[in-house]
Protein backbone atom coordinates (compact mmCIF):
# COMPACT_ATOMS: atom_id res chain seq x y z
CA THR A 1 27.97 8.67 1.90
CA PHE A 2 27.20 5.77 -0.37
CA ALA A 3 30.81 4.43 -0.77
CA ASP A 4 31.18 4.91 3.51
CA GLN A 5 28.71 1.79 5.15
CA THR A 6 29.18 3.50 8.61
CA ALA A 7 27.72 6.97 7.27
CA LEU A 8 24.81 5.01 5.40
CA SER A 9 24.24 3.36 9.00
CA GLU A 10 23.26 6.69 10.60
CA TYR A 11 19.76 6.93 8.44
CA ALA A 12 17.16 5.10 8.41
CA ILE A 13 15.25 6.27 5.14
CA ILE A 14 17.27 7.58 1.52
CA PHE A 15 14.83 9.28 -1.10
CA PHE A 16 16.06 9.55 -4.37
CA ALA A 17 13.78 11.72 -6.34
CA CYS A 18 13.13 12.02 -9.79
CA GLY A 19 15.93 13.52 -11.56
CA LEU A 20 18.59 12.31 -9.72
CA ASP A 21 22.27 11.89 -10.95
CA PRO A 22 23.09 8.47 -11.10
CA SER A 23 26.55 8.30 -11.14
CA PHE A 24 27.40 7.19 -8.02
CA LEU A 25 25.74 3.74 -9.44
CA TYR A 26 28.90 3.09 -11.75
CA GLU A 27 30.64 2.20 -8.45
CA THR A 28 30.05 -1.55 -7.03
CA THR A 29 30.56 0.04 -3.55
CA GLY A 30 28.20 2.33 -3.28
CA VAL A 31 25.32 -0.08 -4.76
CA ASN A 32 26.28 -2.98 -2.21
CA ASN A 33 26.51 -0.59 0.52
CA LEU A 34 22.60 0.27 -0.31
CA LYS A 35 22.00 -3.05 -0.60
CA THR A 36 23.54 -3.88 2.88
CA PHE A 37 22.10 -0.62 4.50
CA VAL A 38 18.57 -2.01 3.21
CA GLU A 39 19.00 -5.95 4.29
CA GLN A 40 19.88 -4.43 7.70
CA GLY A 41 16.65 -2.52 8.03
CA GLY A 42 16.95 0.62 6.21
CA SER A 43 14.33 2.09 4.07
CA ILE A 44 14.63 3.12 0.31
CA TYR A 45 12.07 5.78 -1.93
CA ALA A 46 12.51 6.52 -5.17
CA SER A 47 10.59 7.83 -7.47
CA ASP A 48 10.16 8.28 -11.40
CA TRP A 49 13.85 8.76 -13.01
CA ALA A 50 15.28 7.15 -9.97
CA SER A 51 14.31 3.98 -11.26
CA SER A 52 17.58 4.05 -12.45
CA VAL A 53 18.47 3.22 -8.69
CA ILE A 54 16.00 0.23 -8.36
CA GLU A 55 17.16 -1.13 -11.95
CA GLU A 56 21.00 -1.08 -10.48
CA MET A 57 20.23 -2.76 -6.86
CA TYR A 58 17.36 -4.72 -7.55
CA PRO A 59 17.16 -5.69 -11.46
CA ASN A 60 15.18 -8.96 -10.93
CA LYS A 61 12.30 -7.18 -9.01
CA ILE A 62 10.85 -4.49 -11.44
CA GLN A 63 10.93 -4.29 -14.67
CA PHE A 64 10.43 -0.64 -16.52
CA LEU A 65 9.49 0.06 -19.90
CA GLY A 66 11.59 3.14 -19.95
CA LEU A 67 10.88 6.66 -19.76
CA VAL A 68 7.47 6.75 -21.97
CA GLY A 69 4.63 7.86 -19.62
CA GLY A 70 2.92 10.68 -21.68
CA GLU A 71 1.14 13.75 -19.23
CA GLN A 72 -2.04 12.42 -18.33
CA ILE A 73 -4.27 12.29 -14.96
CA ILE A 74 -4.99 8.41 -14.08
CA THR A 75 -7.89 7.30 -11.58
CA ALA A 76 -5.45 4.10 -10.20
CA SER A 77 -7.03 1.39 -8.77
CA ILE A 78 -5.77 0.95 -4.71
CA THR A 79 -5.12 -2.35 -4.29
CA ASN A 80 -3.46 -2.03 -1.04
CA PRO A 81 -5.99 -2.30 1.71
CA GLU A 82 -4.49 0.33 4.04
CA ILE A 83 -4.26 3.02 1.41
CA GLN A 84 -7.75 2.27 0.71
CA SER A 85 -8.81 2.56 4.25
CA LEU A 86 -6.96 5.79 4.15
CA LEU A 87 -8.27 7.43 1.28
CA GLY A 88 -11.76 5.81 2.16
CA LYS A 89 -12.06 4.39 -1.06
CA ASN A 90 -10.40 1.83 -4.06
CA THR A 91 -9.44 4.49 -6.26
CA ALA A 92 -7.02 7.63 -6.25
CA GLU A 93 -6.14 10.47 -8.95
CA ILE A 94 -2.54 10.63 -9.75
CA CYS A 95 -1.77 13.42 -12.11
CA PHE A 96 1.34 13.22 -14.44
CA ASP A 97 1.97 17.10 -15.24
CA LEU A 98 4.96 16.30 -17.43
CA GLY A 99 5.68 13.55 -20.26
CA ALA A 100 8.68 10.91 -19.94
CA TRP A 101 8.28 9.52 -16.83
CA ALA A 102 9.74 5.89 -15.87
CA VAL A 103 6.50 3.20 -16.33
CA ILE A 104 7.02 -0.29 -14.89
CA ASP A 105 6.25 -2.98 -16.98
CA SER A 106 5.97 -6.11 -14.79
CA VAL A 107 6.96 -6.85 -11.31
CA ALA A 108 8.22 -10.28 -9.58
CA ALA A 109 5.71 -11.94 -7.55
CA TRP A 110 7.23 -11.20 -4.19
CA VAL A 111 6.51 -7.57 -5.00
CA THR A 112 3.64 -5.60 -3.55
CA VAL A 113 1.40 -3.65 -5.80
CA ASP A 114 0.07 -0.75 -4.44
CA LEU A 115 -1.62 1.66 -7.27
CA ARG A 116 -2.16 0.07 -10.92
CA GLY A 117 -3.85 1.92 -13.94
CA THR A 118 -4.53 2.16 -17.33
CA VAL A 119 -1.98 4.56 -18.75
CA MET A 120 -0.67 6.34 -22.36
CA ILE A 121 2.74 5.54 -23.25
CA LEU A 122 4.53 5.88 -26.31
CA ASP A 123 5.13 2.50 -27.61
CA LEU A 124 9.16 2.62 -29.10
CA THR A 125 8.51 0.07 -31.38
CA SER A 126 5.54 2.09 -33.41
CA LEU A 127 5.60 4.90 -32.26
CA GLU A 128 2.52 5.50 -31.13
CA ILE A 129 0.48 6.75 -28.35
CA VAL A 130 -1.51 3.39 -26.51
CA ALA A 131 -2.87 2.17 -23.40
CA LYS A 132 -1.20 0.08 -21.30
CA ASN A 133 -3.61 -1.67 -19.18
CA ASN A 134 -3.03 -2.88 -15.15
CA THR A 135 -0.09 -1.25 -15.11
CA PRO A 136 1.69 -0.91 -11.89
CA LEU A 137 2.15 2.48 -10.95
CA MET A 138 3.10 2.16 -6.92
CA VAL A 139 5.22 -0.84 -5.36
CA HIS A 140 7.33 -1.85 -2.53
CA PHE A 141 9.26 -4.93 -1.45
CA SER A 142 11.08 -6.10 1.75
CA GLU A 143 14.57 -6.83 1.66
CA GLY A 144 16.12 -8.43 4.43
CA LYS A 145 14.88 -6.38 7.26
CA GLY A 146 14.28 -2.76 5.47
CA LYS A 147 11.97 -2.09 2.92
CA VAL A 148 12.21 -0.50 -0.77
CA LEU A 149 9.48 1.32 -2.50
CA TYR A 150 8.78 3.04 -5.58
CA THR A 151 6.18 4.97 -7.36
CA SER A 152 6.35 6.42 -10.78
CA PHE A 153 4.99 9.28 -9.33
CA HIS A 154 6.22 12.43 -7.27
CA ASN A 155 5.29 15.12 -5.09
CA GLU A 156 5.50 18.11 -6.69
CA ALA A 157 3.20 20.91 -7.93
CA GLN A 158 1.01 18.40 -9.67
CA ALA A 159 0.07 16.24 -6.53
CA THR A 160 -3.87 15.75 -6.04
CA ASP A 161 -5.37 15.60 -2.78
CA ASP A 162 -5.01 11.58 -2.98
CA MET A 163 -1.44 11.54 -3.84
CA LYS A 164 -0.48 14.18 -0.95
CA LYS A 165 -1.98 11.56 1.44
CA ILE A 166 -0.63 8.81 -0.28
CA LEU A 167 2.53 10.15 -0.12
CA ASP A 168 2.55 10.98 3.55
CA TYR A 169 1.54 7.04 4.26
CA LEU A 170 4.70 5.95 2.44
CA VAL A 171 7.06 8.49 4.50
CA PHE A 172 5.12 7.18 7.85
CA SER A 173 5.06 3.68 6.91
CA LEU A 174 9.06 3.24 6.07
């Protein structure tokens, strides 16, 4: 499907879930077609290990530390006013029930950070668990007429009530 621009144009949103087989990323046609899909008004939602899709498509927008996030519950600051209004508060409980999740290091100035928090990560230099403050957990940006959204978390059994409401919001905002 990714190699066929006509097939892609039949979709409004493409979801890339954690655990994705990124083999299609090694074909330039698929990546270029996905970029065109977004530029023409399509949306992409990627989570956790699907960070490889975002890295390949938009290497200058979101920089990742790697799969260094540990199992933890984070009280994230909500920086998106619409999500604050939806939840009626300025923080959200985000649960990571597995280790080795993709941690965002930084984002370009034109990328919007929706949630951020202090996360415990494995420092690959010292091999110690350290706190990384003010870490983006959910981000989005526009590209042409479309939108790209990435979350470090996903909607599996560990989803808290806050996460479920946020994920519903995400789906309907794309």
